[in-house]
C-alpha atoms as a PDB file:
ATOM      1  CA  UNK A   1       0.000   0.000   0.000  1.00  0.00           C
ATOM      2  CA  UNK A   2       1.286   3.396  -0.954  1.00  0.00           C
ATOM      3  CA  UNK A   3       0.770   7.095  -0.193  1.00  0.00           C
ATOM      4  CA  UNK A   4       2.213  10.213  -1.821  1.00  0.00           C
ATOM      5  CA  UNK A   5       3.968  12.872   0.239  1.00  0.00           C
ATOM      6  CA  UNK A   6       4.416  16.439  -0.998  1.00  0.00           C
ATOM      7  CA  UNK A   7       7.219  18.687   0.241  1.00  0.00           C
ATOM      8  CA  UNK A   8       9.023  21.465  -1.616  1.00  0.00           C
ATOM      9  CA  UNK A   9       8.510  20.722  -5.318  1.00  0.00           C
ATOM     10  CA  UNK A  10       8.688  16.954  -4.712  1.00  0.00           C
ATOM     11  CA  UNK A  11       5.943  14.337  -4.659  1.00  0.00           C
ATOM     12  CA  UNK A  12       7.409  11.223  -3.058  1.00  0.00           C
ATOM     13  CA  UNK A  13       5.645   7.832  -3.081  1.00  0.00           C
ATOM     14  CA  UNK A  14       6.029   5.918   0.187  1.00  0.00           C
ATOM     15  CA  UNK A  15       5.134   2.480   1.435  1.00  0.00           C
ATOM     16  CA  UNK A  16       2.726   3.071   4.300  1.00  0.00           C
ATOM     17  CA  UNK A  17       3.232  -0.373   5.837  1.00  0.00           C
ATOM     18  CA  UNK A  18       5.700   0.887   8.432  1.00  0.00           C
ATOM     19  CA  UNK A  19       5.641   2.837  11.675  1.00  0.00           C
ATOM     20  CA  UNK A  20       4.696   6.523  11.693  1.00  0.00           C
ATOM     21  CA  UNK A  21       7.925   7.567  13.387  1.00  0.00           C
ATOM     22  CA  UNK A  22       9.977   5.832  10.697  1.00  0.00           C
ATOM     23  CA  UNK A  23       8.061   7.684   7.970  1.00  0.00           C
ATOM     24  CA  UNK A  24       8.613  11.065   9.623  1.00  0.00           C
ATOM     25  CA  UNK A  25      12.342  10.446  10.111  1.00  0.00           C
ATOM     26  CA  UNK A  26      12.705   9.254   6.525  1.00  0.00           C
ATOM     27  CA  UNK A  27      10.977  12.419   5.277  1.00  0.00           C
ATOM     28  CA  UNK A  28      13.156  14.554   7.555  1.00  0.00           C
ATOM     29  CA  UNK A  29      16.284  13.119   5.903  1.00  0.00           C
ATOM     30  CA  UNK A  30      14.895  13.325   2.368  1.00  0.00           C
ATOM     31  CA  UNK A  31      13.797  16.956   2.792  1.00  0.00           C
ATOM     32  CA  UNK A  32      16.952  17.950   4.690  1.00  0.00           C
ATOM     33  CA  UNK A  33      15.053  19.247   7.722  1.00  0.00           C
ATOM     34  CA  UNK A  34      16.865  19.750  11.017  1.00  0.00           C
ATOM     35  CA  UNK A  35      16.128  17.427  13.938  1.00  0.00           C
ATOM     36  CA  UNK A  36      14.744  20.222  16.146  1.00  0.00           C
ATOM     37  CA  UNK A  37      11.831  20.922  13.750  1.00  0.00           C
ATOM     38  CA  UNK A  38       8.526  19.226  14.648  1.00  0.00           C
ATOM     39  CA  UNK A  39       7.112  17.406  11.608  1.00  0.00           C
ATOM     40  CA  UNK A  40       3.778  15.848  10.777  1.00  0.00           C
ATOM     41  CA  UNK A  41       1.525  15.164   7.797  1.00  0.00           C
ATOM     42  CA  UNK A  42      -1.652  16.912   6.706  1.00  0.00           C
ATOM     43  CA  UNK A  43      -4.310  15.833   4.220  1.00  0.00           C
ATOM     44  CA  UNK A  44      -5.542  18.069   1.386  1.00  0.00           C
ATOM     45  CA  UNK A  45      -8.198  19.574   3.677  1.00  0.00           C
ATOM     46  CA  UNK A  46      -5.615  20.675   6.251  1.00  0.00           C
ATOM     47  CA  UNK A  47      -6.352  17.958   8.817  1.00  0.00           C
ATOM     48  CA  UNK A  48      -3.107  17.142  10.622  1.00  0.00           C
ATOM     49  CA  UNK A  49      -2.698  13.381  11.028  1.00  0.00           C
ATOM     50  CA  UNK A  50      -0.684  13.523  14.296  1.00  0.00           C
ATOM     51  CA  UNK A  51       1.812  10.858  13.309  1.00  0.00           C
ATOM     52  CA  UNK A  52       4.294  12.423  15.726  1.00  0.00           C
ATOM     53  CA  UNK A  53       1.991  11.528  18.642  1.00  0.00           C
ATOM     54  CA  UNK A  54       1.752   7.920  17.461  1.00  0.00           C
ATOM     55  CA  UNK A  55       5.313   7.053  16.380  1.00  0.00           C
ATOM     56  CA  UNK A  56       4.952   3.323  17.058  1.00  0.00           C
ATOM     57  CA  UNK A  57       1.604   2.955  15.262  1.00  0.00           C
ATOM     58  CA  UNK A  58       1.630   1.652  11.729  1.00  0.00           C
ATOM     59  CA  UNK A  59       0.786   4.322   9.169  1.00  0.00           C
ATOM     60  CA  UNK A  60      -1.856   1.997   7.725  1.00  0.00           C
ATOM     61  CA  UNK A  61      -3.974   2.759  10.815  1.00  0.00           C
ATOM     62  CA  UNK A  62      -3.545   6.545  10.500  1.00  0.00           C
ATOM     63  CA  UNK A  63      -3.517   7.206   6.747  1.00  0.00           C
ATOM     64  CA  UNK A  64      -5.517   6.120   3.691  1.00  0.00           C
ATOM     65  CA  UNK A  65      -3.871   4.259   0.825  1.00  0.00           C
ATOM     66  CA  UNK A  66      -3.325   6.127  -2.456  1.00  0.00           C
ATOM     67  CA  UNK A  67      -3.975   9.554  -0.873  1.00  0.00           C
ATOM     68  CA  UNK A  68      -1.621  12.527  -1.031  1.00  0.00           C
ATOM     69  CA  UNK A  69      -0.386  14.082   2.200  1.00  0.00           C
ATOM     70  CA  UNK A  70       1.600  17.254   2.790  1.00  0.00           C
ATOM     71  CA  UNK A  71       4.623  17.535   5.046  1.00  0.00           C
ATOM     72  CA  UNK A  72       4.035  20.225   7.673  1.00  0.00           C
ATOM     73  CA  UNK A  73       6.136  21.769  10.410  1.00  0.00           C
ATOM     74  CA  UNK A  74       4.671  22.685  13.793  1.00  0.00           C
ATOM     75  CA  UNK A  75       5.478  25.416  16.285  1.00  0.00           C
ATOM     76  CA  UNK A  76       3.904  25.420  19.746  1.00  0.00           C
ATOM     77  CA  UNK A  77       2.328  28.748  20.702  1.00  0.00           C
ATOM     78  CA  UNK A  78       0.424  29.077  23.990  1.00  0.00           C
ATOM     79  CA  UNK A  79      -0.482  25.377  24.265  1.00  0.00           C
ATOM     80  CA  UNK A  80      -1.596  25.068  20.648  1.00  0.00           C
ATOM     81  CA  UNK A  81       0.316  24.258  17.474  1.00  0.00           C
ATOM     82  CA  UNK A  82       0.662  26.448  14.413  1.00  0.00           C
ATOM     83  CA  UNK A  83       1.334  24.422  11.254  1.00  0.00           C
ATOM     84  CA  UNK A  84       3.154  25.446   8.100  1.00  0.00           C
ATOM     85  CA  UNK A  85       2.908  23.450   4.871  1.00  0.00           C
ATOM     86  CA  UNK A  86       6.378  22.587   3.569  1.00  0.00           C
ATOM     87  CA  UNK A  87       5.215  22.034  -0.029  1.00  0.00           C
ATOM     88  CA  UNK A  88       5.181  24.622  -2.783  1.00  0.00           C
ATOM     89  CA  UNK A  89       1.484  24.732  -3.598  1.00  0.00           C
ATOM     90  CA  UNK A  90       0.076  25.783  -6.952  1.00  0.00           C
ATOM     91  CA  UNK A  91      -2.675  28.433  -7.151  1.00  0.00           C
ATOM     92  CA  UNK A  92      -5.224  25.654  -7.824  1.00  0.00           C
ATOM     93  CA  UNK A  93      -4.432  23.928  -4.514  1.00  0.00           C
ATOM     94  CA  UNK A  94      -6.105  25.084  -1.289  1.00  0.00           C
END
């Protein structure tokens, strides 16, 4: 089973039959993002999937096969998180 991850100008296919923490670390290395940056994935509607809170869960339980997800960074601000999409979106994308 596969998902597509968007970051920068890249769309990367990934096998989702592995643990969420492994996916996030793999994406961190591929995108060249520093280890102090909080990462997660968001769907096309902006719903953050909270993989970082479930690093030992298999992505198959958190994500849907064949969907596209966007790599996002998170910054904590007064007990809530502010997310930034790390993909270069086109004008047609929300």
